[in-house]
Amino acid sequence: MPAYEICYLDEEGDLTYKFSADCDDDQRAKILAHAMKLPSAKKLEVWSGEMLIYSRPSVIWERQAMGAG
């Protein structure tokens, strides 16, 4: 079972909290990340080792929201 690191960041992109979890696959790690998210967290990231596998809001969405997309 792969190990994932789930990170939550504030408005400035600073880490507010994180935890590690063993999940069956990437999809289950993403679901867990959303289920554990506190309302104060503005962004979440799911990492598998050195690889970022999921981020919300996505970089594309952030660019569009800022008018650069």
N, C-alpha and C. Protein backbone atom coordinates (compact mmCIF):
# COMPACT_ATOMS: atom_id res chain seq x y z
N MET A 1 0.84 -1.18 0.00
CA MET A 1 0.00 0.00 0.00
C MET A 1 0.89 1.25 0.00
N PRO A 2 0.71 2.15 -0.95
CA PRO A 2 1.55 3.35 -1.03
C PRO A 2 1.30 4.30 0.14
N ALA A 3 2.36 4.98 0.54
CA ALA A 3 2.26 6.01 1.58
C ALA A 3 2.12 7.37 0.91
N TYR A 4 1.26 8.20 1.46
CA TYR A 4 1.00 9.54 0.93
C TYR A 4 1.19 10.55 2.04
N GLU A 5 1.62 11.75 1.65
CA GLU A 5 1.69 12.87 2.58
C GLU A 5 0.65 13.88 2.13
N ILE A 6 -0.24 14.23 3.03
CA ILE A 6 -1.33 15.16 2.72
C ILE A 6 -1.05 16.45 3.47
N CYS A 7 -0.97 17.56 2.71
CA CYS A 7 -0.58 18.86 3.26
C CYS A 7 -1.71 19.88 3.06
N TYR A 8 -1.88 20.73 4.05
CA TYR A 8 -2.87 21.80 3.97
C TYR A 8 -2.16 23.13 4.16
N LEU A 9 -2.51 24.11 3.33
CA LEU A 9 -1.84 25.40 3.35
C LEU A 9 -2.85 26.53 3.55
N ASP A 10 -2.36 27.67 4.05
CA ASP A 10 -3.22 28.84 4.25
C ASP A 10 -3.22 29.73 3.01
N GLU A 11 -3.81 30.92 3.13
CA GLU A 11 -3.93 31.84 1.98
C GLU A 11 -2.58 32.23 1.39
N GLU A 12 -1.55 32.33 2.22
CA GLU A 12 -0.22 32.72 1.75
C GLU A 12 0.60 31.54 1.23
N GLY A 13 0.04 30.35 1.31
CA GLY A 13 0.77 29.17 0.86
C GLY A 13 1.64 28.54 1.93
N ASP A 14 1.49 29.00 3.18
CA ASP A 14 2.27 28.43 4.28
C ASP A 14 1.60 27.16 4.79
N LEU A 15 2.40 26.17 5.12
CA LEU A 15 1.89 24.91 5.63
C LEU A 15 1.21 25.13 6.98
N THR A 16 -0.03 24.65 7.11
CA THR A 16 -0.74 24.76 8.39
C THR A 16 -0.76 23.43 9.13
N TYR A 17 -0.91 22.33 8.40
CA TYR A 17 -0.77 21.00 8.99
C TYR A 17 -0.63 19.97 7.89
N LYS A 18 -0.13 18.80 8.29
CA LYS A 18 0.05 17.71 7.34
C LYS A 18 0.00 16.39 8.10
N PHE A 19 -0.27 15.33 7.37
CA PHE A 19 -0.23 13.99 7.95
C PHE A 19 0.13 12.99 6.86
N SER A 20 0.54 11.82 7.28
CA SER A 20 0.86 10.73 6.36
C SER A 20 -0.21 9.66 6.48
N ALA A 21 -0.48 9.01 5.36
CA ALA A 21 -1.49 7.96 5.35
C ALA A 21 -1.11 6.91 4.32
N ASP A 22 -1.46 5.68 4.61
CA ASP A 22 -1.32 4.58 3.66
C ASP A 22 -2.68 4.40 3.00
N CYS A 23 -2.72 4.52 1.68
CA CYS A 23 -3.96 4.39 0.92
C CYS A 23 -3.75 3.37 -0.19
N ASP A 24 -4.83 2.76 -0.64
CA ASP A 24 -4.75 1.76 -1.71
C ASP A 24 -4.25 2.33 -3.02
N ASP A 25 -4.63 3.60 -3.32
CA ASP A 25 -4.24 4.20 -4.58
C ASP A 25 -4.38 5.72 -4.49
N ASP A 26 -4.01 6.41 -5.58
CA ASP A 26 -4.05 7.88 -5.60
C ASP A 26 -5.45 8.41 -5.36
N GLN A 27 -6.45 7.78 -5.95
CA GLN A 27 -7.83 8.25 -5.81
C GLN A 27 -8.28 8.24 -4.35
N ARG A 28 -7.96 7.20 -3.62
CA ARG A 28 -8.35 7.12 -2.20
C ARG A 28 -7.60 8.16 -1.38
N ALA A 29 -6.37 8.46 -1.75
CA ALA A 29 -5.61 9.50 -1.05
C ALA A 29 -6.25 10.87 -1.27
N LYS A 30 -6.72 11.13 -2.49
CA LYS A 30 -7.39 12.40 -2.79
C LYS A 30 -8.68 12.53 -1.98
N ILE A 31 -9.45 11.45 -1.93
CA ILE A 31 -10.70 11.46 -1.17
C ILE A 31 -10.43 11.71 0.30
N LEU A 32 -9.43 11.04 0.85
CA LEU A 32 -9.07 11.24 2.25
C LEU A 32 -8.65 12.69 2.51
N ALA A 33 -7.88 13.26 1.59
CA ALA A 33 -7.42 14.65 1.75
C ALA A 33 -8.61 15.60 1.86
N HIS A 34 -9.61 15.42 1.03
CA HIS A 34 -10.80 16.28 1.09
C HIS A 34 -11.61 16.02 2.35
N ALA A 35 -11.72 14.76 2.75
CA ALA A 35 -12.50 14.41 3.93
C ALA A 35 -11.92 14.99 5.21
N MET A 36 -10.60 15.11 5.27
CA MET A 36 -9.92 15.58 6.49
C MET A 36 -9.67 17.09 6.49
N LYS A 37 -10.01 17.78 5.41
CA LYS A 37 -9.73 19.22 5.28
C LYS A 37 -10.58 20.04 6.24
N LEU A 38 -9.93 20.92 6.97
CA LEU A 38 -10.63 21.88 7.83
C LEU A 38 -11.02 23.09 7.00
N PRO A 39 -12.08 23.78 7.38
CA PRO A 39 -12.51 24.97 6.62
C PRO A 39 -11.44 26.05 6.52
N SER A 40 -10.54 26.12 7.48
CA SER A 40 -9.50 27.15 7.48
C SER A 40 -8.42 26.90 6.42
N ALA A 41 -8.30 25.67 5.93
CA ALA A 41 -7.30 25.35 4.91
C ALA A 41 -7.78 25.86 3.57
N LYS A 42 -6.93 26.61 2.88
CA LYS A 42 -7.29 27.19 1.58
C LYS A 42 -6.77 26.38 0.41
N LYS A 43 -5.81 25.51 0.65
CA LYS A 43 -5.23 24.69 -0.41
C LYS A 43 -4.82 23.35 0.17
N LEU A 44 -4.92 22.31 -0.63
CA LEU A 44 -4.44 21.01 -0.20
C LEU A 44 -3.57 20.40 -1.28
N GLU A 45 -2.62 19.60 -0.83
CA GLU A 45 -1.71 18.90 -1.72
C GLU A 45 -1.58 17.46 -1.26
N VAL A 46 -1.51 16.55 -2.22
CA VAL A 46 -1.27 15.14 -1.92
C VAL A 46 0.02 14.74 -2.62
N TRP A 47 0.95 14.24 -1.84
CA TRP A 47 2.27 13.86 -2.34
C TRP A 47 2.46 12.36 -2.19
N SER A 48 3.10 11.77 -3.19
CA SER A 48 3.54 10.39 -3.13
C SER A 48 5.05 10.42 -3.33
N GLY A 49 5.78 10.33 -2.24
CA GLY A 49 7.23 10.51 -2.31
C GLY A 49 7.54 11.95 -2.71
N GLU A 50 8.32 12.10 -3.77
CA GLU A 50 8.71 13.42 -4.26
C GLU A 50 7.74 13.96 -5.32
N MET A 51 6.70 13.19 -5.64
CA MET A 51 5.79 13.57 -6.71
C MET A 51 4.48 14.14 -6.17
N LEU A 52 4.15 15.36 -6.61
CA LEU A 52 2.87 15.96 -6.30
C LEU A 52 1.83 15.32 -7.21
N ILE A 53 0.86 14.61 -6.62
CA ILE A 53 -0.12 13.92 -7.45
C ILE A 53 -1.46 14.65 -7.51
N TYR A 54 -1.68 15.62 -6.60
CA TYR A 54 -2.98 16.30 -6.57
C TYR A 54 -2.84 17.60 -5.80
N SER A 55 -3.51 18.62 -6.29
CA SER A 55 -3.50 19.92 -5.62
C SER A 55 -4.82 20.62 -5.90
N ARG A 56 -5.42 21.22 -4.88
CA ARG A 56 -6.64 22.00 -5.04
C ARG A 56 -6.54 23.24 -4.19
N PRO A 57 -6.89 24.40 -4.68
CA PRO A 57 -7.23 24.61 -6.09
C PRO A 57 -6.00 24.38 -6.95
N SER A 58 -6.25 24.00 -8.18
CA SER A 58 -5.14 23.70 -9.10
C SER A 58 -4.45 24.99 -9.53
N VAL A 59 -3.25 24.87 -10.03
CA VAL A 59 -2.49 26.02 -10.50
C VAL A 59 -3.24 26.71 -11.64
N ILE A 60 -3.84 25.93 -12.53
CA ILE A 60 -4.59 26.51 -13.65
C ILE A 60 -5.75 27.34 -13.13
N TRP A 61 -6.48 26.81 -12.15
CA TRP A 61 -7.62 27.55 -11.58
C TRP A 61 -7.15 28.84 -10.95
N GLU A 62 -6.04 28.80 -10.21
CA GLU A 62 -5.52 30.00 -9.56
C GLU A 62 -5.16 31.07 -10.58
N ARG A 63 -4.54 30.68 -11.69
CA ARG A 63 -4.19 31.65 -12.74
C ARG A 63 -5.44 32.28 -13.34
N GLN A 64 -6.46 31.48 -13.59
CA GLN A 64 -7.71 31.99 -14.14
C GLN A 64 -8.39 32.95 -13.16
N ALA A 65 -8.37 32.61 -11.90
CA ALA A 65 -8.98 33.45 -10.88
C ALA A 65 -8.27 34.79 -10.75
N MET A 66 -6.97 34.80 -11.05
CA MET A 66 -6.19 36.04 -10.97
C MET A 66 -6.22 36.82 -12.28
N GLY A 67 -6.91 36.28 -13.30
CA GLY A 67 -7.03 36.97 -14.58
C GLY A 67 -5.87 36.75 -15.52
N ALA A 68 -5.00 35.79 -15.21
CA ALA A 68 -3.84 35.55 -16.06
C ALA A 68 -4.08 34.38 -17.01
N GLY A 69 -5.25 33.75 -16.91
CA GLY A 69 -5.48 32.56 -17.74
C GLY A 69 -6.32 32.88 -18.84
